[in-house]
Amino acid sequence: MAEAVMGHGAGHDASHGGGDHDGHHYTATGLNSWKVGFWTFIGSECLFFGTLLSTYMVYKGASLEGPYPLDIFDIPLTTLSTFVLLMSSLAMVLGLDGVQKGSRGKAAFWLGVVVVFGSIFLGFQYYEFNHFIHEGLTLQHSVFGSTFYVLTGFHGAHVTVGVIWMTTLLVQSLRGKLTPDKALQVEIAGLYWHFVDIVWIVIFVLVYLIP
């Protein structure tokens, strides 16, 4: 009897005090340790992009020679690329739902859509950068060029990491290895992808839409 009580107590402590419960690790607060760690990472990324955005806004309009934003920005094109990226977030939600429900076809299809839409967004950015360089705006040309390329370039790098990440999940799904018990992996990847999308919305508004 005493051993049974002790065993029950040990199991209770393990599930509520940072132990292993249902195959996942939890903190003392009862929150999943992987999620807590990733939210901490997202917080540090917010500070990082906040610094880049602040720098851009501080020096916005400080360039003494063109081309200036209004001379080269193609708002309709950037709006289209923004829409594509936002739709990829919807596809990410549907892909996660497919994994959670054990629907291999649904999960693979929508994760594939995320990869395609993310790649299209990167294609838009590549085209935009080439166009700006052709117009004379380079990284060393002006304060506007330096702050713009650093900000949008780092975001593009984050999207590239996300596309690679989603591609690995897609391959796992096609091989039948992305089962419902692996849904946490997709959920965390989704948090990263949604974060990247939200950051772009802020960039789009502050950089492209505000004169």
N, C-alpha and C. Protein backbone atom coordinates (compact mmCIF):
# COMPACT_ATOMS: atom_id res chain seq x y z
N MET A 1 0.83 -1.21 0.00
CA MET A 1 0.00 0.00 0.00
C MET A 1 0.85 1.25 0.00
N ALA A 2 1.88 1.29 0.88
CA ALA A 2 2.75 2.46 0.95
C ALA A 2 3.47 2.66 -0.37
N GLU A 3 3.91 1.54 -1.01
CA GLU A 3 4.61 1.66 -2.28
C GLU A 3 3.68 2.21 -3.35
N ALA A 4 2.39 1.80 -3.28
CA ALA A 4 1.44 2.29 -4.27
C ALA A 4 1.21 3.78 -4.12
N VAL A 5 1.08 4.24 -2.84
CA VAL A 5 0.89 5.66 -2.59
C VAL A 5 2.10 6.45 -3.05
N MET A 6 3.30 5.93 -2.76
CA MET A 6 4.53 6.61 -3.17
C MET A 6 4.63 6.66 -4.69
N GLY A 7 4.24 5.56 -5.33
CA GLY A 7 4.29 5.54 -6.78
C GLY A 7 3.33 6.55 -7.38
N HIS A 8 2.12 6.65 -6.79
CA HIS A 8 1.15 7.61 -7.28
C HIS A 8 1.66 9.03 -7.09
N GLY A 9 2.27 9.28 -5.93
CA GLY A 9 2.80 10.63 -5.65
C GLY A 9 3.91 10.97 -6.60
N ALA A 10 4.78 10.00 -6.90
CA ALA A 10 5.89 10.28 -7.81
C ALA A 10 5.37 10.58 -9.19
N GLY A 11 4.34 9.82 -9.62
CA GLY A 11 3.76 10.08 -10.93
C GLY A 11 3.12 11.44 -10.99
N HIS A 12 2.46 11.83 -9.89
CA HIS A 12 1.81 13.15 -9.84
C HIS A 12 2.84 14.25 -9.95
N ASP A 13 3.96 14.10 -9.23
CA ASP A 13 5.00 15.11 -9.28
C ASP A 13 5.62 15.19 -10.65
N ALA A 14 5.78 14.06 -11.32
CA ALA A 14 6.41 14.07 -12.63
C ALA A 14 5.55 14.78 -13.66
N SER A 15 4.21 14.62 -13.52
CA SER A 15 3.33 15.24 -14.51
C SER A 15 3.07 16.70 -14.25
N HIS A 16 3.32 17.17 -13.06
CA HIS A 16 3.04 18.57 -12.74
C HIS A 16 4.28 19.34 -12.32
N GLY A 17 5.40 18.70 -12.28
CA GLY A 17 6.59 19.39 -11.82
C GLY A 17 7.74 19.33 -12.80
N GLY A 18 7.45 19.36 -14.10
CA GLY A 18 8.50 19.42 -15.10
C GLY A 18 8.90 18.05 -15.60
N GLY A 19 8.07 17.02 -15.38
CA GLY A 19 8.41 15.68 -15.82
C GLY A 19 7.93 15.40 -17.23
N ASP A 20 7.89 14.11 -17.58
CA ASP A 20 7.48 13.67 -18.90
C ASP A 20 6.06 13.16 -18.82
N HIS A 21 5.15 13.78 -19.56
CA HIS A 21 3.73 13.40 -19.50
C HIS A 21 3.22 13.25 -20.92
N ASP A 22 2.69 12.08 -21.26
CA ASP A 22 2.17 11.80 -22.59
C ASP A 22 3.22 12.02 -23.67
N GLY A 23 4.48 11.76 -23.34
CA GLY A 23 5.55 11.88 -24.32
C GLY A 23 6.09 13.27 -24.49
N HIS A 24 5.57 14.25 -23.75
CA HIS A 24 6.03 15.63 -23.86
C HIS A 24 6.53 16.12 -22.51
N HIS A 25 7.46 17.05 -22.56
CA HIS A 25 8.02 17.61 -21.34
C HIS A 25 7.25 18.87 -20.95
N TYR A 26 7.04 19.03 -19.64
CA TYR A 26 6.29 20.18 -19.14
C TYR A 26 7.10 20.89 -18.06
N THR A 27 6.88 22.20 -17.99
CA THR A 27 7.53 22.99 -16.95
C THR A 27 6.74 22.87 -15.66
N ALA A 28 7.24 23.49 -14.60
CA ALA A 28 6.57 23.45 -13.31
C ALA A 28 5.21 24.14 -13.36
N THR A 29 5.01 25.02 -14.36
CA THR A 29 3.73 25.72 -14.51
C THR A 29 2.70 24.89 -15.24
N GLY A 30 3.11 23.72 -15.76
CA GLY A 30 2.19 22.88 -16.51
C GLY A 30 2.19 23.16 -17.99
N LEU A 31 3.01 24.13 -18.44
CA LEU A 31 3.10 24.47 -19.86
C LEU A 31 4.15 23.60 -20.54
N ASN A 32 3.92 23.30 -21.79
CA ASN A 32 4.86 22.49 -22.55
C ASN A 32 6.19 23.21 -22.66
N SER A 33 7.28 22.52 -22.32
CA SER A 33 8.59 23.16 -22.29
C SER A 33 9.06 23.59 -23.68
N TRP A 34 8.68 22.81 -24.72
CA TRP A 34 9.06 23.20 -26.07
C TRP A 34 8.38 24.51 -26.48
N LYS A 35 7.10 24.63 -26.12
CA LYS A 35 6.39 25.86 -26.46
C LYS A 35 6.95 27.06 -25.71
N VAL A 36 7.24 26.85 -24.43
CA VAL A 36 7.80 27.94 -23.62
C VAL A 36 9.14 28.39 -24.21
N GLY A 37 9.98 27.42 -24.56
CA GLY A 37 11.26 27.76 -25.15
C GLY A 37 11.11 28.49 -26.46
N PHE A 38 10.15 28.06 -27.28
CA PHE A 38 9.99 28.70 -28.58
C PHE A 38 9.39 30.09 -28.46
N TRP A 39 8.47 30.27 -27.50
CA TRP A 39 7.93 31.61 -27.28
C TRP A 39 9.02 32.55 -26.79
N THR A 40 9.96 32.02 -26.02
CA THR A 40 11.11 32.84 -25.60
C THR A 40 11.93 33.27 -26.81
N PHE A 41 12.13 32.33 -27.73
CA PHE A 41 12.84 32.64 -28.97
C PHE A 41 12.10 33.71 -29.77
N ILE A 42 10.77 33.57 -29.87
CA ILE A 42 9.96 34.55 -30.59
C ILE A 42 10.10 35.94 -29.95
N GLY A 43 10.15 35.96 -28.61
CA GLY A 43 10.32 37.24 -27.91
C GLY A 43 11.64 37.91 -28.27
N SER A 44 12.71 37.13 -28.35
CA SER A 44 14.02 37.68 -28.72
C SER A 44 14.00 38.17 -30.17
N GLU A 45 13.27 37.45 -31.04
CA GLU A 45 13.16 37.88 -32.43
C GLU A 45 12.37 39.18 -32.55
N CYS A 46 11.37 39.35 -31.70
CA CYS A 46 10.61 40.61 -31.68
C CYS A 46 11.53 41.78 -31.35
N LEU A 47 12.41 41.59 -30.38
CA LEU A 47 13.37 42.64 -30.03
C LEU A 47 14.31 42.93 -31.19
N PHE A 48 14.73 41.87 -31.88
CA PHE A 48 15.64 42.01 -33.01
C PHE A 48 15.00 42.83 -34.13
N PHE A 49 13.79 42.44 -34.53
CA PHE A 49 13.12 43.17 -35.61
C PHE A 49 12.67 44.55 -35.14
N GLY A 50 12.35 44.67 -33.86
CA GLY A 50 12.01 45.99 -33.34
C GLY A 50 13.16 46.96 -33.47
N THR A 51 14.37 46.47 -33.22
CA THR A 51 15.56 47.31 -33.37
C THR A 51 15.76 47.73 -34.82
N LEU A 52 15.62 46.78 -35.75
CA LEU A 52 15.78 47.09 -37.17
C LEU A 52 14.73 48.09 -37.65
N LEU A 53 13.47 47.87 -37.22
CA LEU A 53 12.40 48.79 -37.61
C LEU A 53 12.61 50.19 -37.04
N SER A 54 13.05 50.24 -35.79
CA SER A 54 13.30 51.54 -35.15
C SER A 54 14.41 52.29 -35.88
N THR A 55 15.44 51.55 -36.26
CA THR A 55 16.54 52.19 -36.99
C THR A 55 16.06 52.73 -38.32
N TYR A 56 15.24 51.95 -39.02
CA TYR A 56 14.71 52.42 -40.31
C TYR A 56 13.86 53.67 -40.12
N MET A 57 12.98 53.66 -39.11
CA MET A 57 12.09 54.80 -38.91
C MET A 57 12.85 56.05 -38.49
N VAL A 58 13.93 55.87 -37.70
CA VAL A 58 14.72 57.02 -37.25
C VAL A 58 15.39 57.71 -38.44
N TYR A 59 15.91 56.89 -39.36
CA TYR A 59 16.65 57.45 -40.50
C TYR A 59 15.79 57.62 -41.74
N LYS A 60 14.51 57.34 -41.62
CA LYS A 60 13.63 57.49 -42.77
C LYS A 60 13.57 58.95 -43.20
N GLY A 61 13.81 59.21 -44.46
CA GLY A 61 13.80 60.57 -44.98
C GLY A 61 15.10 61.31 -44.80
N ALA A 62 16.14 60.62 -44.28
CA ALA A 62 17.43 61.27 -44.05
C ALA A 62 18.35 61.24 -45.26
N SER A 63 17.97 60.47 -46.29
CA SER A 63 18.81 60.38 -47.49
C SER A 63 18.84 61.71 -48.22
N LEU A 64 20.01 62.11 -48.68
CA LEU A 64 20.18 63.40 -49.36
C LEU A 64 20.06 63.28 -50.86
N GLU A 65 20.06 62.05 -51.38
CA GLU A 65 19.93 61.84 -52.81
C GLU A 65 19.07 60.61 -53.09
N GLY A 66 18.42 60.64 -54.26
CA GLY A 66 17.54 59.55 -54.63
C GLY A 66 18.30 58.35 -55.17
N PRO A 67 17.55 57.31 -55.51
CA PRO A 67 16.08 57.27 -55.52
C PRO A 67 15.48 57.16 -54.13
N TYR A 68 14.28 57.74 -54.00
CA TYR A 68 13.57 57.73 -52.73
C TYR A 68 12.46 56.67 -52.78
N PRO A 69 11.89 56.32 -51.63
CA PRO A 69 10.85 55.28 -51.61
C PRO A 69 9.73 55.49 -52.62
N LEU A 70 9.21 56.72 -52.70
CA LEU A 70 8.10 56.98 -53.62
C LEU A 70 8.51 56.84 -55.08
N ASP A 71 9.81 56.90 -55.35
CA ASP A 71 10.29 56.79 -56.72
C ASP A 71 10.34 55.34 -57.21
N ILE A 72 10.51 54.41 -56.31
CA ILE A 72 10.77 53.03 -56.73
C ILE A 72 9.78 52.01 -56.20
N PHE A 73 9.06 52.31 -55.13
CA PHE A 73 8.14 51.32 -54.57
C PHE A 73 7.00 51.04 -55.54
N ASP A 74 6.71 49.76 -55.72
CA ASP A 74 5.56 49.32 -56.52
C ASP A 74 4.55 48.73 -55.54
N ILE A 75 3.68 49.59 -55.02
CA ILE A 75 2.75 49.18 -53.97
C ILE A 75 1.82 48.04 -54.40
N PRO A 76 1.23 48.08 -55.61
CA PRO A 76 0.37 46.96 -56.02
C PRO A 76 1.11 45.62 -56.02
N LEU A 77 2.35 45.61 -56.49
CA LEU A 77 3.12 44.37 -56.52
C LEU A 77 3.42 43.87 -55.12
N THR A 78 3.82 44.78 -54.24
CA THR A 78 4.12 44.40 -52.86
C THR A 78 2.86 43.97 -52.12
N THR A 79 1.73 44.59 -52.44
CA THR A 79 0.46 44.18 -51.86
C THR A 79 0.12 42.75 -52.25
N LEU A 80 0.37 42.41 -53.52
CA LEU A 80 0.12 41.05 -53.99
C LEU A 80 1.01 40.04 -53.26
N SER A 81 2.29 40.38 -53.10
CA SER A 81 3.20 39.46 -52.40
C SER A 81 2.80 39.32 -50.93
N THR A 82 2.30 40.40 -50.34
CA THR A 82 1.83 40.35 -48.95
C THR A 82 0.62 39.45 -48.83
N PHE A 83 -0.29 39.54 -49.80
CA PHE A 83 -1.49 38.69 -49.81
C PHE A 83 -1.10 37.21 -49.91
N VAL A 84 -0.12 36.91 -50.75
CA VAL A 84 0.35 35.54 -50.91
C VAL A 84 0.90 35.01 -49.59
N LEU A 85 1.67 35.84 -48.90
CA LEU A 85 2.25 35.40 -47.62
C LEU A 85 1.17 35.19 -46.57
N LEU A 86 0.16 36.06 -46.57
CA LEU A 86 -0.94 35.90 -45.60
C LEU A 86 -1.73 34.62 -45.88
N MET A 87 -1.94 34.30 -47.14
CA MET A 87 -2.65 33.07 -47.50
C MET A 87 -1.85 31.83 -47.09
N SER A 88 -0.54 31.96 -47.06
CA SER A 88 0.29 30.84 -46.61
C SER A 88 0.05 30.54 -45.13
N SER A 89 -0.28 31.56 -44.36
CA SER A 89 -0.60 31.35 -42.94
C SER A 89 -1.89 30.54 -42.81
N LEU A 90 -2.87 30.83 -43.66
CA LEU A 90 -4.12 30.06 -43.65
C LEU A 90 -3.83 28.60 -44.02
N ALA A 91 -2.97 28.42 -45.02
CA ALA A 91 -2.60 27.06 -45.42
C ALA A 91 -1.88 26.34 -44.28
N MET A 92 -1.09 27.07 -43.51
CA MET A 92 -0.38 26.47 -42.38
C MET A 92 -1.37 25.96 -41.34
N VAL A 93 -2.42 26.72 -41.08
CA VAL A 93 -3.45 26.30 -40.12
C VAL A 93 -4.14 25.02 -40.60
N LEU A 94 -4.45 24.97 -41.89
CA LEU A 94 -5.13 23.79 -42.45
C LEU A 94 -4.19 22.58 -42.46
N GLY A 95 -2.91 22.83 -42.71
CA GLY A 95 -1.95 21.74 -42.67
C GLY A 95 -1.83 21.14 -41.28
N LEU A 96 -1.78 22.00 -40.27
CA LEU A 96 -1.73 21.52 -38.88
C LEU A 96 -2.98 20.73 -38.54
N ASP A 97 -4.13 21.19 -39.01
CA ASP A 97 -5.37 20.48 -38.75
C ASP A 97 -5.34 19.09 -39.38
N GLY A 98 -4.76 18.99 -40.57
CA GLY A 98 -4.64 17.70 -41.22
C GLY A 98 -3.76 16.74 -40.44
N VAL A 99 -2.66 17.25 -39.89
CA VAL A 99 -1.77 16.41 -39.10
C VAL A 99 -2.47 15.94 -37.82
N GLN A 100 -3.16 16.86 -37.16
CA GLN A 100 -3.83 16.52 -35.91
C GLN A 100 -4.93 15.47 -36.11
N LYS A 101 -5.57 15.51 -37.28
CA LYS A 101 -6.65 14.57 -37.56
C LYS A 101 -6.15 13.29 -38.24
N GLY A 102 -4.84 13.23 -38.49
CA GLY A 102 -4.28 12.05 -39.11
C GLY A 102 -4.59 11.92 -40.59
N SER A 103 -4.94 13.04 -41.23
CA SER A 103 -5.24 13.04 -42.66
C SER A 103 -3.96 13.33 -43.43
N ARG A 104 -3.32 12.30 -43.90
CA ARG A 104 -2.02 12.44 -44.57
C ARG A 104 -2.13 13.30 -45.84
N GLY A 105 -3.18 13.07 -46.64
CA GLY A 105 -3.35 13.82 -47.87
C GLY A 105 -3.56 15.30 -47.63
N LYS A 106 -4.43 15.62 -46.66
CA LYS A 106 -4.71 17.02 -46.34
C LYS A 106 -3.47 17.72 -45.82
N ALA A 107 -2.75 17.05 -44.92
CA ALA A 107 -1.55 17.64 -44.35
C ALA A 107 -0.51 17.91 -45.42
N ALA A 108 -0.27 16.93 -46.28
CA ALA A 108 0.74 17.08 -47.32
C ALA A 108 0.35 18.18 -48.31
N PHE A 109 -0.93 18.24 -48.67
CA PHE A 109 -1.38 19.25 -49.64
C PHE A 109 -1.15 20.67 -49.11
N TRP A 110 -1.61 20.92 -47.89
CA TRP A 110 -1.55 22.28 -47.38
C TRP A 110 -0.13 22.68 -46.97
N LEU A 111 0.66 21.73 -46.50
CA LEU A 111 2.07 22.05 -46.24
C LEU A 111 2.78 22.37 -47.56
N GLY A 112 2.39 21.67 -48.62
CA GLY A 112 2.93 21.98 -49.94
C GLY A 112 2.55 23.38 -50.39
N VAL A 113 1.31 23.78 -50.09
CA VAL A 113 0.87 25.14 -50.43
C VAL A 113 1.70 26.17 -49.68
N VAL A 114 1.99 25.91 -48.41
CA VAL A 114 2.83 26.83 -47.63
C VAL A 114 4.19 26.99 -48.29
N VAL A 115 4.79 25.88 -48.70
CA VAL A 115 6.11 25.92 -49.35
C VAL A 115 6.04 26.72 -50.65
N VAL A 116 5.01 26.47 -51.45
CA VAL A 116 4.87 27.16 -52.73
C VAL A 116 4.65 28.66 -52.53
N PHE A 117 3.73 29.02 -51.64
CA PHE A 117 3.44 30.43 -51.40
C PHE A 117 4.65 31.16 -50.80
N GLY A 118 5.36 30.49 -49.88
CA GLY A 118 6.56 31.11 -49.32
C GLY A 118 7.62 31.33 -50.39
N SER A 119 7.75 30.38 -51.31
CA SER A 119 8.71 30.51 -52.41
C SER A 119 8.31 31.64 -53.36
N ILE A 120 7.00 31.76 -53.61
CA ILE A 120 6.52 32.86 -54.47
C ILE A 120 6.84 34.21 -53.84
N PHE A 121 6.63 34.32 -52.53
CA PHE A 121 6.96 35.57 -51.84
C PHE A 121 8.44 35.90 -52.00
N LEU A 122 9.30 34.90 -51.83
CA LEU A 122 10.73 35.13 -52.00
C LEU A 122 11.06 35.53 -53.44
N GLY A 123 10.32 34.95 -54.39
CA GLY A 123 10.52 35.35 -55.78
C GLY A 123 10.16 36.81 -56.01
N PHE A 124 9.06 37.26 -55.40
CA PHE A 124 8.68 38.67 -55.48
C PHE A 124 9.79 39.55 -54.89
N GLN A 125 10.33 39.15 -53.76
CA GLN A 125 11.37 39.95 -53.11
C GLN A 125 12.64 40.00 -53.96
N TYR A 126 13.00 38.88 -54.56
CA TYR A 126 14.17 38.84 -55.44
C TYR A 126 13.98 39.79 -56.62
N TYR A 127 12.79 39.75 -57.21
CA TYR A 127 12.49 40.65 -58.32
C TYR A 127 12.56 42.11 -57.89
N GLU A 128 12.00 42.39 -56.72
CA GLU A 128 11.99 43.77 -56.21
C GLU A 128 13.40 44.28 -55.96
N PHE A 129 14.24 43.45 -55.34
CA PHE A 129 15.61 43.86 -55.07
C PHE A 129 16.36 44.14 -56.38
N ASN A 130 16.18 43.28 -57.36
CA ASN A 130 16.85 43.49 -58.65
C ASN A 130 16.38 44.78 -59.31
N HIS A 131 15.08 45.05 -59.20
CA HIS A 131 14.53 46.28 -59.78
C HIS A 131 15.11 47.51 -59.08
N PHE A 132 15.19 47.47 -57.76
CA PHE A 132 15.72 48.60 -57.01
C PHE A 132 17.19 48.85 -57.33
N ILE A 133 17.95 47.77 -57.44
CA ILE A 133 19.37 47.91 -57.77
C ILE A 133 19.53 48.51 -59.16
N HIS A 134 18.67 48.08 -60.09
CA HIS A 134 18.71 48.64 -61.45
C HIS A 134 18.39 50.13 -61.44
N GLU A 135 17.53 50.55 -60.49
CA GLU A 135 17.17 51.96 -60.37
C GLU A 135 18.24 52.77 -59.63
N GLY A 136 19.27 52.10 -59.14
CA GLY A 136 20.38 52.81 -58.50
C GLY A 136 20.39 52.75 -56.99
N LEU A 137 19.45 51.99 -56.39
CA LEU A 137 19.41 51.89 -54.94
C LEU A 137 20.18 50.64 -54.50
N THR A 138 21.34 50.84 -53.92
CA THR A 138 22.15 49.73 -53.42
C THR A 138 22.33 49.85 -51.91
N LEU A 139 22.96 48.84 -51.34
CA LEU A 139 23.17 48.84 -49.89
C LEU A 139 24.04 50.00 -49.44
N GLN A 140 25.00 50.39 -50.27
CA GLN A 140 25.94 51.45 -49.90
C GLN A 140 25.54 52.81 -50.44
N HIS A 141 24.44 52.86 -51.20
CA HIS A 141 24.10 54.10 -51.90
C HIS A 141 23.65 55.21 -50.96
N SER A 142 22.81 54.86 -49.97
CA SER A 142 22.24 55.89 -49.09
C SER A 142 21.80 55.25 -47.79
N VAL A 143 21.42 56.12 -46.85
CA VAL A 143 20.89 55.63 -45.57
C VAL A 143 19.62 54.83 -45.80
N PHE A 144 18.78 55.30 -46.72
CA PHE A 144 17.55 54.57 -47.05
C PHE A 144 17.87 53.18 -47.58
N GLY A 145 18.83 53.09 -48.49
CA GLY A 145 19.20 51.80 -49.06
C GLY A 145 19.73 50.85 -48.00
N SER A 146 20.58 51.36 -47.12
CA SER A 146 21.19 50.51 -46.09
C SER A 146 20.14 49.95 -45.14
N THR A 147 19.30 50.84 -44.60
CA THR A 147 18.30 50.40 -43.62
C THR A 147 17.22 49.54 -44.26
N PHE A 148 16.86 49.86 -45.50
CA PHE A 148 15.82 49.09 -46.18
C PHE A 148 16.28 47.67 -46.48
N TYR A 149 17.45 47.54 -47.06
CA TYR A 149 17.93 46.20 -47.43
C TYR A 149 18.23 45.33 -46.20
N VAL A 150 18.75 45.93 -45.16
CA VAL A 150 19.03 45.16 -43.95
C VAL A 150 17.73 44.64 -43.33
N LEU A 151 16.74 45.51 -43.23
CA LEU A 151 15.46 45.13 -42.63
C LEU A 151 14.74 44.06 -43.45
N THR A 152 14.51 44.35 -44.72
CA THR A 152 13.76 43.41 -45.56
C THR A 152 14.59 42.17 -45.88
N GLY A 153 15.92 42.33 -45.96
CA GLY A 153 16.77 41.19 -46.24
C GLY A 153 16.77 40.18 -45.11
N PHE A 154 16.83 40.66 -43.87
CA PHE A 154 16.78 39.74 -42.73
C PHE A 154 15.42 39.04 -42.66
N HIS A 155 14.35 39.78 -42.99
CA HIS A 155 13.04 39.13 -43.01
C HIS A 155 13.01 38.05 -44.09
N GLY A 156 13.55 38.36 -45.26
CA GLY A 156 13.61 37.37 -46.32
C GLY A 156 14.40 36.13 -45.91
N ALA A 157 15.46 36.34 -45.13
CA ALA A 157 16.25 35.21 -44.63
C ALA A 157 15.41 34.34 -43.70
N HIS A 158 14.58 34.98 -42.89
CA HIS A 158 13.70 34.22 -41.99
C HIS A 158 12.65 33.44 -42.78
N VAL A 159 12.13 34.03 -43.86
CA VAL A 159 11.18 33.32 -44.69
C VAL A 159 11.85 32.12 -45.35
N THR A 160 13.10 32.29 -45.78
CA THR A 160 13.85 31.19 -46.39
C THR A 160 14.01 30.04 -45.41
N VAL A 161 14.37 30.35 -44.17
CA VAL A 161 14.47 29.31 -43.14
C VAL A 161 13.13 28.61 -42.96
N GLY A 162 12.05 29.39 -42.97
CA GLY A 162 10.72 28.82 -42.81
C GLY A 162 10.36 27.88 -43.96
N VAL A 163 10.69 28.28 -45.19
CA VAL A 163 10.40 27.44 -46.36
C VAL A 163 11.16 26.11 -46.27
N ILE A 164 12.42 26.17 -45.86
CA ILE A 164 13.22 24.95 -45.69
C ILE A 164 12.60 24.06 -44.61
N TRP A 165 12.19 24.68 -43.51
CA TRP A 165 11.56 23.95 -42.40
C TRP A 165 10.28 23.27 -42.87
N MET A 166 9.43 24.02 -43.59
CA MET A 166 8.17 23.46 -44.07
C MET A 166 8.41 22.35 -45.09
N THR A 167 9.47 22.48 -45.88
CA THR A 167 9.79 21.44 -46.85
C THR A 167 10.13 20.12 -46.16
N THR A 168 10.88 20.21 -45.06
CA THR A 168 11.22 18.99 -44.31
C THR A 168 9.96 18.35 -43.73
N LEU A 169 9.02 19.18 -43.25
CA LEU A 169 7.75 18.64 -42.73
C LEU A 169 6.93 18.01 -43.85
N LEU A 170 6.96 18.64 -45.03
CA LEU A 170 6.23 18.10 -46.17
C LEU A 170 6.76 16.72 -46.55
N VAL A 171 8.09 16.59 -46.58
CA VAL A 171 8.70 15.31 -46.91
C VAL A 171 8.31 14.25 -45.89
N GLN A 172 8.32 14.63 -44.60
CA GLN A 172 7.91 13.69 -43.56
C GLN A 172 6.46 13.26 -43.74
N SER A 173 5.61 14.22 -44.12
CA SER A 173 4.20 13.92 -44.32
C SER A 173 4.00 12.97 -45.50
N LEU A 174 4.72 13.20 -46.59
CA LEU A 174 4.61 12.34 -47.77
C LEU A 174 5.08 10.92 -47.47
N ARG A 175 6.02 10.80 -46.54
CA ARG A 175 6.52 9.49 -46.16
C ARG A 175 5.69 8.82 -45.06
N GLY A 176 4.64 9.52 -44.63
CA GLY A 176 3.77 8.95 -43.62
C GLY A 176 4.33 9.01 -42.21
N LYS A 177 5.33 9.84 -41.99
CA LYS A 177 5.97 9.92 -40.68
C LYS A 177 5.43 11.06 -39.82
N LEU A 178 4.54 11.88 -40.40
CA LEU A 178 4.00 13.02 -39.65
C LEU A 178 2.64 12.62 -39.10
N THR A 179 2.68 11.79 -38.07
CA THR A 179 1.47 11.27 -37.44
C THR A 179 0.92 12.27 -36.40
N PRO A 180 -0.33 12.06 -35.94
CA PRO A 180 -0.91 12.99 -34.96
C PRO A 180 -0.06 13.23 -33.72
N ASP A 181 0.72 12.21 -33.29
CA ASP A 181 1.55 12.41 -32.11
C ASP A 181 2.73 13.33 -32.38
N LYS A 182 2.94 13.67 -33.67
CA LYS A 182 4.00 14.62 -34.03
C LYS A 182 3.43 16.01 -34.31
N ALA A 183 2.17 16.22 -33.95
CA ALA A 183 1.51 17.49 -34.27
C ALA A 183 2.19 18.68 -33.60
N LEU A 184 2.82 18.44 -32.44
CA LEU A 184 3.49 19.54 -31.74
C LEU A 184 4.61 20.13 -32.61
N GLN A 185 5.32 19.30 -33.36
CA GLN A 185 6.37 19.79 -34.25
C GLN A 185 5.80 20.76 -35.28
N VAL A 186 4.66 20.39 -35.85
CA VAL A 186 4.02 21.23 -36.86
C VAL A 186 3.47 22.51 -36.22
N GLU A 187 2.95 22.38 -35.01
CA GLU A 187 2.41 23.55 -34.31
C GLU A 187 3.50 24.58 -34.04
N ILE A 188 4.67 24.13 -33.61
CA ILE A 188 5.77 25.04 -33.34
C ILE A 188 6.26 25.67 -34.65
N ALA A 189 6.34 24.87 -35.71
CA ALA A 189 6.71 25.41 -37.02
C ALA A 189 5.70 26.46 -37.46
N GLY A 190 4.41 26.20 -37.15
CA GLY A 190 3.37 27.15 -37.49
C GLY A 190 3.51 28.46 -36.73
N LEU A 191 3.91 28.38 -35.47
CA LEU A 191 4.14 29.60 -34.69
C LEU A 191 5.21 30.45 -35.34
N TYR A 192 6.27 29.81 -35.79
CA TYR A 192 7.36 30.53 -36.47
C TYR A 192 6.84 31.18 -37.75
N TRP A 193 6.07 30.43 -38.53
CA TRP A 193 5.58 30.95 -39.81
C TRP A 193 4.62 32.12 -39.60
N HIS A 194 3.73 32.01 -38.63
CA HIS A 194 2.81 33.11 -38.35
C HIS A 194 3.56 34.34 -37.86
N PHE A 195 4.61 34.12 -37.07
CA PHE A 195 5.42 35.24 -36.60
C PHE A 195 6.05 35.97 -37.77
N VAL A 196 6.61 35.22 -38.71
CA VAL A 196 7.23 35.82 -39.89
C VAL A 196 6.21 36.63 -40.68
N ASP A 197 4.99 36.11 -40.79
CA ASP A 197 3.93 36.82 -41.52
C ASP A 197 3.55 38.12 -40.81
N ILE A 198 3.43 38.06 -39.49
CA ILE A 198 3.05 39.26 -38.73
C ILE A 198 4.13 40.33 -38.85
N VAL A 199 5.38 39.91 -38.79
CA VAL A 199 6.49 40.87 -38.94
C VAL A 199 6.39 41.55 -40.30
N TRP A 200 6.07 40.78 -41.34
CA TRP A 200 5.98 41.39 -42.66
C TRP A 200 4.83 42.40 -42.75
N ILE A 201 3.72 42.11 -42.09
CA ILE A 201 2.61 43.07 -42.09
C ILE A 201 3.06 44.40 -41.50
N VAL A 202 3.81 44.33 -40.40
CA VAL A 202 4.32 45.55 -39.78
C VAL A 202 5.28 46.27 -40.73
N ILE A 203 6.16 45.52 -41.36
CA ILE A 203 7.11 46.12 -42.32
C ILE A 203 6.36 46.75 -43.48
N PHE A 204 5.36 46.05 -43.99
CA PHE A 204 4.59 46.54 -45.14
C PHE A 204 3.92 47.87 -44.81
N VAL A 205 3.35 47.96 -43.62
CA VAL A 205 2.65 49.19 -43.23
C VAL A 205 3.63 50.33 -42.99
N LEU A 206 4.68 50.08 -42.20
CA LEU A 206 5.60 51.16 -41.82
C LEU A 206 6.53 51.58 -42.95
N VAL A 207 6.94 50.62 -43.76
CA VAL A 207 7.93 50.93 -44.80
C VAL A 207 7.27 51.33 -46.12
N TYR A 208 6.25 50.59 -46.53
CA TYR A 208 5.67 50.81 -47.85
C TYR A 208 4.49 51.76 -47.87
N LEU A 209 3.64 51.70 -46.85
CA LEU A 209 2.39 52.45 -46.90
C LEU A 209 2.48 53.84 -46.27
N ILE A 210 3.33 54.00 -45.25
CA ILE A 210 3.46 55.31 -44.61
C ILE A 210 4.51 56.12 -45.35
N PRO A 211 4.15 57.27 -45.91
CA PRO A 211 5.11 58.07 -46.69
C PRO A 211 6.32 58.46 -45.87
